[in-house]
Amino acid sequence: MEASNFQPKNTGKKQLFDNPVLEKLTRTHISVPLFVFYGISAFLLFRGFVYTELSPFTIIGVFISAILFFTLVEYIMHRHVFHMLPTNKLKKDIAYNFHGVHHEYPKDKSRLVMPPVVSITLAAILFFGIRFVIGDYVYAFLPGFLTGYASYLAVHYIVHAYRPPKNIFKVLWVHHGIHHYKENDRAFGVSSPLWDYIFRTMPRTQ
């Protein structure tokens, strides 16, 4: 995994598009996706409990499994998509616009989450795709997946926006800080270092 060619800047912002509408769409307050995705998850879970024949234990089990599955997706996307090798200009532009700009300006709070238009579109596609494959289990799986995603967004925002706490959660600040400021080819897990342990991408230095 290739290291970034720039030093992180702890102040300032980067303009990605000359078009003001497109530029505005790249910036999102953290409260928007949290409200949207926790809300969608609660609604789908309600539908699952009330309008399907799935047992409560099944719904809870699938919900928890989907959260764990999201942490794996988070790791894979961060490592292999957001940090893809820039072997051509297209890959370089994709990697920078989706994630490189965040590494260059890690304290830009308005670019810590995916724009809601993109996220809601992906959630809708996931709903119909997953429902086609597993039927009513979508009412347990997708809420878990979206809850995992929303929780990841919350952790990522808090880690960048606030000082580390003096408790067990400090490990998340340290882990992600190493990824940004020391070893960006390591420590890809944000909401959890679990998959870094499993795939041996834990930081070499602490």
Protein backbone atom coordinates (compact mmCIF):
# COMPACT_ATOMS: atom_id res chain seq x y z
CA MET A 1 0.00 0.00 0.00
CA GLU A 2 1.55 3.25 -1.10
CA ALA A 3 1.97 6.08 1.34
CA SER A 4 0.45 9.49 0.67
CA ASN A 5 2.60 12.09 -1.06
CA PHE A 6 1.55 14.93 1.21
CA GLN A 7 1.72 15.88 4.86
CA PRO A 8 -1.58 16.05 6.79
CA LYS A 9 -2.75 19.63 7.35
CA ASN A 10 -4.59 20.21 10.61
CA THR A 11 -6.20 23.44 9.40
CA GLY A 12 -7.92 24.50 6.22
CA LYS A 13 -10.20 22.90 3.65
CA LYS A 14 -9.85 21.71 0.06
CA GLN A 15 -12.21 22.64 -2.77
CA LEU A 16 -12.86 19.63 -5.02
CA PHE A 17 -15.27 21.12 -7.59
CA ASP A 18 -15.58 24.51 -9.27
CA ASN A 19 -19.35 24.01 -9.47
CA PRO A 20 -20.76 25.33 -6.16
CA VAL A 21 -23.64 22.82 -6.13
CA LEU A 22 -21.33 19.83 -6.56
CA GLU A 23 -18.95 21.25 -3.98
CA LYS A 24 -21.77 21.70 -1.48
CA LEU A 25 -22.89 18.09 -2.02
CA THR A 26 -19.44 16.89 -0.88
CA ARG A 27 -19.92 18.50 2.53
CA THR A 28 -22.24 17.08 5.17
CA HIS A 29 -22.85 17.72 8.88
CA ILE A 30 -22.49 14.54 10.93
CA SER A 31 -26.02 14.84 12.36
CA VAL A 32 -27.63 14.31 8.93
CA PRO A 33 -26.48 10.75 8.17
CA LEU A 34 -26.84 9.69 11.81
CA PHE A 35 -30.46 10.83 11.87
CA VAL A 36 -31.17 9.24 8.48
CA PHE A 37 -29.55 5.84 9.03
CA TYR A 38 -30.49 5.26 12.65
CA GLY A 39 -34.00 6.33 11.65
CA ILE A 40 -34.15 3.95 8.69
CA SER A 41 -32.78 1.14 10.85
CA ALA A 42 -35.41 1.70 13.54
CA PHE A 43 -38.20 1.78 10.95
CA LEU A 44 -37.06 -1.44 9.26
CA LEU A 45 -36.67 -3.21 12.60
CA PHE A 46 -40.18 -2.16 13.57
CA ARG A 47 -41.47 -3.60 10.29
CA GLY A 48 -39.53 -6.78 10.96
CA PHE A 49 -40.97 -7.30 14.43
CA VAL A 50 -44.54 -6.35 13.54
CA TYR A 51 -45.13 -7.38 9.93
CA THR A 52 -42.95 -10.46 9.34
CA GLU A 53 -42.99 -13.98 10.75
CA LEU A 54 -39.39 -13.76 11.93
CA SER A 55 -38.94 -14.53 15.62
CA PRO A 56 -37.48 -11.84 17.89
CA PHE A 57 -34.41 -14.03 18.52
CA THR A 58 -33.85 -14.42 14.79
CA ILE A 59 -34.15 -10.68 14.20
CA ILE A 60 -31.73 -9.87 17.02
CA GLY A 61 -29.25 -12.53 15.89
CA VAL A 62 -29.26 -11.40 12.27
CA PHE A 63 -29.09 -7.74 13.37
CA ILE A 64 -25.95 -8.32 15.47
CA SER A 65 -24.36 -10.46 12.74
CA ALA A 66 -24.96 -7.69 10.21
CA ILE A 67 -23.20 -5.15 12.44
CA LEU A 68 -20.18 -7.46 12.59
CA PHE A 69 -20.38 -7.98 8.83
CA PHE A 70 -20.32 -4.21 8.33
CA THR A 71 -17.04 -3.92 10.25
CA LEU A 72 -15.52 -6.33 7.70
CA VAL A 73 -16.92 -4.31 4.78
CA GLU A 74 -15.59 -1.13 6.41
CA TYR A 75 -12.12 -2.67 6.63
CA ILE A 76 -12.12 -4.00 3.05
CA MET A 77 -13.38 -0.71 1.58
CA HIS A 78 -10.88 1.36 3.53
CA ARG A 79 -7.92 -0.85 2.71
CA HIS A 80 -8.60 -1.91 -0.88
CA VAL A 81 -10.77 0.89 -2.33
CA PHE A 82 -9.94 4.10 -0.48
CA HIS A 83 -6.25 3.16 -0.41
CA MET A 84 -6.08 1.54 -3.83
CA LEU A 85 -2.73 1.80 -5.55
CA PRO A 86 -2.77 4.82 -7.93
CA THR A 87 -1.57 2.83 -10.93
CA ASN A 88 -3.33 5.19 -13.36
CA LYS A 89 -4.87 8.66 -13.31
CA LEU A 90 -8.44 7.39 -12.86
CA LYS A 91 -7.53 5.35 -9.78
CA LYS A 92 -5.50 8.23 -8.43
CA ASP A 93 -8.42 10.67 -8.84
CA ILE A 94 -10.93 8.24 -7.31
CA ALA A 95 -8.71 7.51 -4.32
CA TYR A 96 -8.02 11.19 -3.71
CA ASN A 97 -11.58 12.48 -4.12
CA PHE A 98 -13.09 9.71 -2.00
CA HIS A 99 -10.45 9.53 0.71
CA GLY A 100 -7.14 11.22 -0.07
CA VAL A 101 -8.58 14.67 0.57
CA HIS A 102 -9.55 13.44 4.05
CA HIS A 103 -5.96 12.35 4.69
CA GLU A 104 -4.68 15.72 3.52
CA TYR A 105 -7.20 17.65 5.66
CA PRO A 106 -8.12 15.24 8.48
CA LYS A 107 -9.65 17.97 10.65
CA ASP A 108 -12.15 19.15 8.01
CA LYS A 109 -15.32 18.08 9.88
CA SER A 110 -17.61 18.66 6.89
CA ARG A 111 -15.91 15.91 4.88
CA LEU A 112 -15.87 13.14 7.47
CA VAL A 113 -19.04 11.48 6.11
CA MET A 114 -20.40 10.44 2.73
CA PRO A 115 -22.93 12.89 1.23
CA PRO A 116 -26.48 11.76 2.19
CA VAL A 117 -27.69 11.70 -1.43
CA VAL A 118 -25.11 9.03 -2.21
CA SER A 119 -25.69 7.13 1.04
CA ILE A 120 -29.49 7.04 0.73
CA THR A 121 -29.23 5.86 -2.87
CA LEU A 122 -26.90 3.04 -1.84
CA ALA A 123 -29.21 2.11 1.06
CA ALA A 124 -32.18 1.85 -1.30
CA ILE A 125 -30.22 -0.33 -3.72
CA LEU A 126 -29.10 -2.52 -0.81
CA PHE A 127 -32.67 -2.90 0.46
CA PHE A 128 -34.09 -4.17 -2.82
CA GLY A 129 -31.02 -6.27 -3.60
CA ILE A 130 -30.89 -7.92 -0.18
CA ARG A 131 -34.65 -8.43 -0.09
CA PHE A 132 -34.47 -10.20 -3.45
CA VAL A 133 -31.83 -12.59 -2.07
CA ILE A 134 -32.98 -13.24 1.52
CA GLY A 135 -36.59 -12.02 1.63
CA ASP A 136 -37.91 -10.76 4.96
CA TYR A 137 -34.52 -11.22 6.62
CA VAL A 138 -33.71 -7.86 5.07
CA TYR A 139 -35.70 -6.28 7.92
CA ALA A 140 -33.07 -7.57 10.36
CA PHE A 141 -29.93 -7.58 8.22
CA LEU A 142 -30.12 -4.11 6.67
CA PRO A 143 -30.88 -2.35 9.99
CA GLY A 144 -27.81 -4.03 11.47
CA PHE A 145 -25.67 -3.07 8.50
CA LEU A 146 -26.87 0.55 8.52
CA THR A 147 -26.49 0.75 12.30
CA GLY A 148 -22.92 -0.43 11.86
CA TYR A 149 -22.38 2.22 9.20
CA ALA A 150 -23.92 5.01 11.27
CA SER A 151 -21.88 3.96 14.32
CA TYR A 152 -18.72 3.96 12.20
CA LEU A 153 -19.54 7.51 11.06
CA ALA A 154 -20.09 8.59 14.66
CA VAL A 155 -16.80 7.05 15.84
CA HIS A 156 -14.89 8.51 12.89
CA TYR A 157 -16.28 11.99 13.52
CA ILE A 158 -15.65 11.89 17.27
CA VAL A 159 -12.08 10.64 16.79
CA HIS A 160 -11.30 13.56 14.46
CA ALA A 161 -13.32 16.25 16.22
CA TYR A 162 -12.56 15.66 19.91
CA ARG A 163 -9.62 14.94 22.15
CA PRO A 164 -9.15 11.30 23.21
CA PRO A 165 -10.93 10.29 26.41
CA LYS A 166 -9.15 8.85 29.44
CA ASN A 167 -10.86 5.47 29.21
CA ILE A 168 -10.91 2.27 27.15
CA PHE A 169 -12.17 4.10 24.04
CA LYS A 170 -8.84 5.93 23.78
CA VAL A 171 -7.58 2.91 21.81
CA LEU A 172 -9.74 4.02 18.84
CA TRP A 173 -8.17 7.50 18.84
CA VAL A 174 -4.66 6.05 18.99
CA HIS A 175 -5.37 3.41 16.33
CA HIS A 176 -6.82 5.85 13.81
CA GLY A 177 -4.24 8.51 14.63
CA ILE A 178 -1.46 6.10 13.71
CA HIS A 179 -3.19 5.46 10.39
CA HIS A 180 -3.30 9.17 9.60
CA TYR A 181 0.00 10.41 10.95
CA LYS A 182 2.42 7.46 11.02
CA GLU A 183 1.42 4.40 8.99
CA ASN A 184 -1.35 4.91 6.45
CA ASP A 185 -0.70 1.41 5.11
CA ARG A 186 -1.82 0.00 8.48
CA ALA A 187 -4.67 0.37 10.99
CA PHE A 188 -7.57 0.39 8.52
CA GLY A 189 -10.26 -0.41 11.08
CA VAL A 190 -12.01 2.70 12.40
CA SER A 191 -14.92 1.44 14.47
CA SER A 192 -12.87 -1.58 15.61
CA PRO A 193 -9.30 -2.90 15.22
CA LEU A 194 -10.67 -6.47 14.97
CA TRP A 195 -9.94 -7.04 11.30
CA ASP A 196 -6.51 -5.43 11.57
CA TYR A 197 -5.70 -8.16 14.08
CA ILE A 198 -7.12 -10.87 11.84
CA PHE A 199 -5.47 -9.66 8.60
CA ARG A 200 -2.23 -8.62 10.31
CA THR A 201 -2.37 -4.94 9.51
CA MET A 202 -1.99 -3.73 13.07
CA PRO A 203 0.44 -0.79 13.42
CA ARG A 204 4.10 -1.63 13.64
CA THR A 205 4.51 1.20 16.18
CA GLN A 206 2.20 2.30 18.98
